[in-house]
Amino acid sequence: MPHPQGSATQGESLVATLRELKDRTGLSLAALAARTPYSKSAWHRYLTGTKRPPRPAVEALSRLAGADPVAVLALWAAAESPPAPAAPPRRERGRPRWLPLWLLALLGTAAAVAAAVAVAGRQGAPAPAGQGLVAVPHCHARSCQGELPDASVCARDAQTRSTVSGTGYDVRLRWSPRCGTAWSEVRVRSAQAREVSVRAGQDVLSARYPADDATGIASPMLAVPSALGVEACAAVGGRLACTGLDVEPAAPE
């Protein structure tokens, strides 16, 4: 059964907004794939409208574009499924007819989304504070595995559990009690390509960032009950530093 025209229009608006955010990042599809847990072909499908993007992908793209994800996520949610049809209002003599409250709220949300996206696009800044995102994580434990800490809001309550310094950079092991996740974070003091990784036993996740990427600092997240036994590593300029290790690991024979 085809979706109503309104649903199709909202889906087209979502795709157009995602393309605008992608243009604002200045990143290619390959660069997007390197910065997120999603492949180049997956981003191609999301940005052409052939596949609906998952919520974490929308959040990650918003973060990379420097935009508040609230407006885009509202558009994403509105495009997910068509609204239920309203029951025809009863005619009562001598009384005015009112639109249902849910419809008024939906119309108001659509207008607010359009205004917030337009303002963010013109100013290159997050949406107004009144429309800010409540600091509630979007995932927990295994549902966070492979996601980025900023996009999932897990970074809001993050604790630094260990730190190690390399030549021109610092590596920190970060852990979020609310999300039940750990990840690596590297702070470089000059423009250098880097690979950031986090390890818990045989479970390893990593992300690569080019030298001209000044904002890419974190690895994807691992779902762990605590930061015990977790290592954070970063390779910068051919040098490797890992928290909890006094020397670099020996090269494999």
Protein backbone atom coordinates (compact mmCIF):
# COMPACT_ATOMS: atom_id res chain seq x y z
CA MET A 1 0.00 0.00 0.00
CA PRO A 2 1.65 3.30 -1.00
CA HIS A 3 2.37 5.92 1.65
CA PRO A 4 0.35 9.13 1.61
CA GLN A 5 1.85 12.08 -0.23
CA GLY A 6 2.64 13.80 3.07
CA SER A 7 4.91 10.95 4.18
CA ALA A 8 6.75 10.96 0.84
CA THR A 9 7.26 14.71 1.11
CA GLN A 10 8.75 14.38 4.60
CA GLY A 11 11.06 11.63 3.37
CA GLU A 12 12.25 13.88 0.54
CA SER A 13 12.80 16.70 3.04
CA LEU A 14 14.90 14.39 5.21
CA VAL A 15 17.09 13.36 2.25
CA ALA A 16 17.52 17.01 1.23
CA THR A 17 18.50 17.94 4.79
CA LEU A 18 21.02 15.09 5.01
CA ARG A 19 22.59 16.20 1.72
CA GLU A 20 22.84 19.76 3.02
CA LEU A 21 24.54 18.55 6.20
CA LYS A 22 26.93 16.41 4.16
CA ASP A 23 27.83 19.44 2.01
CA ARG A 24 28.47 21.47 5.17
CA THR A 25 30.96 18.87 6.42
CA GLY A 26 32.98 19.14 3.22
CA LEU A 27 33.64 15.40 3.48
CA SER A 28 33.50 12.86 0.67
CA LEU A 29 31.57 9.61 1.04
CA ALA A 30 34.85 7.82 1.73
CA ALA A 31 35.71 10.35 4.45
CA LEU A 32 32.27 9.93 5.98
CA ALA A 33 32.83 6.17 6.05
CA ALA A 34 36.18 6.68 7.79
CA ARG A 35 34.62 8.95 10.40
CA THR A 36 31.58 6.79 11.19
CA PRO A 37 30.68 3.09 11.57
CA TYR A 38 28.83 3.20 8.21
CA SER A 39 30.33 2.25 4.83
CA LYS A 40 30.69 4.45 1.75
CA SER A 41 27.93 2.51 -0.04
CA ALA A 42 25.64 2.86 2.99
CA TRP A 43 26.09 6.66 2.98
CA HIS A 44 25.36 6.69 -0.75
CA ARG A 45 22.04 4.92 -0.11
CA TYR A 46 21.14 7.23 2.77
CA LEU A 47 21.91 10.41 0.79
CA THR A 48 20.04 9.29 -2.32
CA GLY A 49 16.96 8.18 -0.42
CA THR A 50 17.17 4.54 -1.51
CA LYS A 51 17.49 3.40 2.11
CA ARG A 52 16.30 4.92 5.37
CA PRO A 53 19.29 5.84 7.56
CA PRO A 54 19.44 4.56 11.15
CA ARG A 55 19.11 7.12 13.91
CA PRO A 56 22.83 6.96 14.93
CA ALA A 57 23.84 7.77 11.33
CA VAL A 58 21.66 10.89 11.38
CA GLU A 59 23.16 11.91 14.72
CA ALA A 60 26.71 11.29 13.50
CA LEU A 61 26.20 13.38 10.35
CA SER A 62 24.66 16.20 12.40
CA ARG A 63 27.67 16.16 14.73
CA LEU A 64 30.14 16.25 11.86
CA ALA A 65 28.25 19.21 10.34
CA GLY A 66 28.26 21.07 13.66
CA ALA A 67 24.46 21.06 13.83
CA ASP A 68 22.10 20.29 16.69
CA PRO A 69 20.56 16.88 15.87
CA VAL A 70 17.15 17.74 17.39
CA ALA A 71 15.61 19.24 14.26
CA VAL A 72 16.99 16.57 11.96
CA LEU A 73 15.88 13.75 14.26
CA ALA A 74 12.36 15.21 14.36
CA LEU A 75 12.33 15.15 10.57
CA TRP A 76 13.71 11.59 10.63
CA ALA A 77 10.96 10.48 13.02
CA ALA A 78 8.24 12.21 11.00
CA ALA A 79 9.38 10.43 7.83
CA GLU A 80 9.35 7.00 9.49
CA SER A 81 5.65 6.36 9.13
CA PRO A 82 2.58 8.29 7.99
CA PRO A 83 0.38 9.81 10.71
CA ALA A 84 -2.86 8.04 11.54
CA PRO A 85 -5.83 9.58 9.76
CA ALA A 86 -7.92 11.88 11.89
CA ALA A 87 -11.49 10.92 12.66
CA PRO A 88 -14.00 13.31 11.00
CA PRO A 89 -15.07 15.98 13.50
CA ARG A 90 -18.62 15.88 14.75
CA ARG A 91 -20.77 18.80 13.78
CA GLU A 92 -22.46 20.36 16.74
CA ARG A 93 -24.82 23.23 16.16
CA GLY A 94 -23.72 26.48 17.71
CA ARG A 95 -20.22 25.24 18.58
CA PRO A 96 -16.98 25.81 16.65
CA ARG A 97 -15.05 22.82 15.28
CA TRP A 98 -11.50 22.35 16.61
CA LEU A 99 -8.58 20.52 15.09
CA PRO A 100 -7.36 17.55 17.18
CA LEU A 101 -4.58 18.47 19.62
CA TRP A 102 -2.19 15.89 18.14
CA LEU A 103 -2.61 17.45 14.69
CA LEU A 104 -1.91 20.94 16.04
CA ALA A 105 1.19 19.59 17.76
CA LEU A 106 2.35 17.86 14.56
CA LEU A 107 1.88 21.03 12.52
CA GLY A 108 3.78 23.02 15.14
CA THR A 109 6.62 20.46 15.18
CA ALA A 110 6.93 20.53 11.39
CA ALA A 111 7.15 24.34 11.40
CA ALA A 112 9.73 24.30 14.20
CA VAL A 113 11.82 21.69 12.37
CA ALA A 114 11.82 23.71 9.15
CA ALA A 115 12.77 26.91 11.00
CA ALA A 116 15.52 25.28 13.06
CA VAL A 117 17.13 23.57 10.05
CA ALA A 118 16.97 26.80 8.05
CA VAL A 119 18.59 28.84 10.84
CA ALA A 120 21.28 26.21 11.42
CA GLY A 121 22.01 26.09 7.69
CA ARG A 122 22.32 29.88 7.39
CA GLN A 123 24.38 30.42 10.52
CA GLY A 124 26.35 27.16 10.62
CA ALA A 125 25.43 26.89 14.30
CA PRO A 126 23.32 24.63 16.50
CA ALA A 127 19.59 25.21 16.85
CA PRO A 128 18.36 27.66 19.54
CA ALA A 129 18.82 26.61 23.15
CA GLY A 130 15.08 26.33 23.66
CA GLN A 131 15.06 23.41 21.25
CA GLY A 132 18.13 21.75 22.79
CA LEU A 133 18.50 18.01 23.26
CA VAL A 134 17.96 16.64 26.75
CA ALA A 135 21.11 14.87 27.90
CA VAL A 136 19.61 11.38 27.71
CA PRO A 137 21.72 8.71 25.96
CA HIS A 138 20.22 7.29 22.79
CA CYS A 139 21.49 3.79 23.49
CA HIS A 140 22.74 1.53 26.28
CA ALA A 141 25.26 -1.31 26.50
CA ARG A 142 25.15 -3.54 23.37
CA SER A 143 22.95 -1.12 21.44
CA CYS A 144 25.81 1.42 21.73
CA GLN A 145 28.45 -0.95 20.34
CA GLY A 146 30.22 0.68 17.40
CA GLU A 147 28.50 4.06 17.79
CA LEU A 148 30.30 7.36 18.36
CA PRO A 149 30.20 8.86 21.88
CA ASP A 150 29.24 12.40 20.86
CA ALA A 151 26.44 11.38 18.51
CA SER A 152 24.89 9.04 21.09
CA VAL A 153 25.21 11.61 23.95
CA CYS A 154 27.27 9.07 25.90
CA ALA A 155 30.08 11.65 26.15
CA ARG A 156 27.92 13.81 28.45
CA ASP A 157 28.76 11.81 31.61
CA ALA A 158 32.09 10.37 30.47
CA GLN A 159 34.86 9.78 33.00
CA THR A 160 38.59 9.60 32.21
CA ARG A 161 39.89 6.34 33.68
CA SER A 162 43.51 6.41 32.44
CA THR A 163 45.78 8.63 30.36
CA VAL A 164 49.03 8.23 28.45
CA SER A 165 51.01 10.84 26.52
CA GLY A 166 52.88 10.42 23.26
CA THR A 167 54.98 12.83 21.22
CA GLY A 168 52.56 15.65 20.41
CA TYR A 169 49.39 13.97 21.66
CA ASP A 170 47.57 12.56 24.68
CA VAL A 171 45.41 9.43 24.81
CA ARG A 172 42.60 8.96 27.31
CA LEU A 173 40.43 5.96 28.16
CA ARG A 174 36.87 7.26 28.57
CA TRP A 175 33.95 5.42 30.18
CA SER A 176 30.27 6.33 30.39
CA PRO A 177 28.43 4.83 33.41
CA ARG A 178 25.00 5.68 31.94
CA CYS A 179 25.71 4.05 28.58
CA GLY A 180 27.91 1.24 29.86
CA THR A 181 30.53 1.93 27.18
CA ALA A 182 34.23 2.73 26.87
CA TRP A 183 36.20 4.39 24.08
CA SER A 184 39.54 6.01 23.27
CA GLU A 185 40.04 9.73 22.86
CA VAL A 186 43.18 11.36 21.44
CA ARG A 187 44.11 15.05 21.61
CA VAL A 188 46.74 16.03 19.04
CA ARG A 189 48.78 19.21 19.31
CA SER A 190 49.49 19.51 15.58
CA ALA A 191 47.85 18.41 12.33
CA GLN A 192 48.62 14.70 11.99
CA ALA A 193 46.82 11.65 10.63
CA ARG A 194 45.82 9.28 13.42
CA GLU A 195 44.14 5.99 14.22
CA VAL A 196 42.24 5.70 17.51
CA SER A 197 41.31 2.28 18.89
CA VAL A 198 39.81 0.68 21.98
CA ARG A 199 40.30 -2.93 23.09
CA ALA A 200 38.66 -5.23 25.61
CA GLY A 201 40.09 -8.73 25.27
CA GLN A 202 39.67 -9.76 21.62
CA ASP A 203 37.06 -7.06 20.98
CA VAL A 204 38.66 -4.12 19.12
CA LEU A 205 37.12 -1.09 17.40
CA SER A 206 39.02 1.70 15.66
CA ALA A 207 38.61 4.83 13.55
CA ARG A 208 41.04 6.58 11.21
CA TYR A 209 41.18 10.37 10.83
CA PRO A 210 43.17 12.34 8.22
CA ALA A 211 45.55 15.13 9.25
CA ASP A 212 43.14 17.86 8.11
CA ASP A 213 40.38 16.55 10.38
CA ALA A 214 40.59 18.72 13.49
CA THR A 215 37.48 17.30 15.20
CA GLY A 216 37.95 13.54 14.92
CA ILE A 217 39.21 12.45 18.33
CA ALA A 218 37.27 9.36 19.38
CA SER A 219 37.09 5.68 18.57
CA PRO A 220 33.74 3.89 18.31
CA MET A 221 32.41 2.62 21.64
CA LEU A 222 32.71 -0.82 23.18
CA ALA A 223 29.92 -2.11 25.42
CA VAL A 224 31.57 -2.98 28.75
CA PRO A 225 30.24 -3.14 32.35
CA SER A 226 33.27 -1.16 33.59
CA ALA A 227 36.55 0.29 32.35
CA LEU A 228 38.59 -2.47 34.03
CA GLY A 229 40.74 -4.35 31.53
CA VAL A 230 40.02 -1.91 28.68
CA GLU A 231 42.88 -0.32 26.71
CA ALA A 232 42.76 2.93 24.79
CA CYS A 233 45.31 3.37 21.99
CA ALA A 234 46.26 5.93 19.38
CA ALA A 235 48.78 5.76 16.54
CA VAL A 236 50.01 9.20 15.49
CA GLY A 237 52.96 9.93 13.23
CA GLY A 238 54.12 6.33 13.27
CA ARG A 239 54.12 6.15 17.07
CA LEU A 240 51.73 4.12 19.21
CA ALA A 241 50.60 4.92 22.74
CA CYS A 242 48.22 2.78 24.82
CA THR A 243 46.88 3.41 28.29
CA GLY A 244 48.12 0.94 30.85
CA LEU A 245 51.23 0.03 28.83
CA ASP A 246 54.72 1.27 29.68
CA VAL A 247 56.21 0.33 26.32
CA GLU A 248 54.94 -0.17 22.81
CA PRO A 249 53.86 -3.73 21.95
CA ALA A 250 56.47 -5.80 20.18
CA ALA A 251 56.01 -6.14 16.45
CA PRO A 252 54.64 -9.55 15.38
CA GLU A 253 57.27 -11.99 14.14
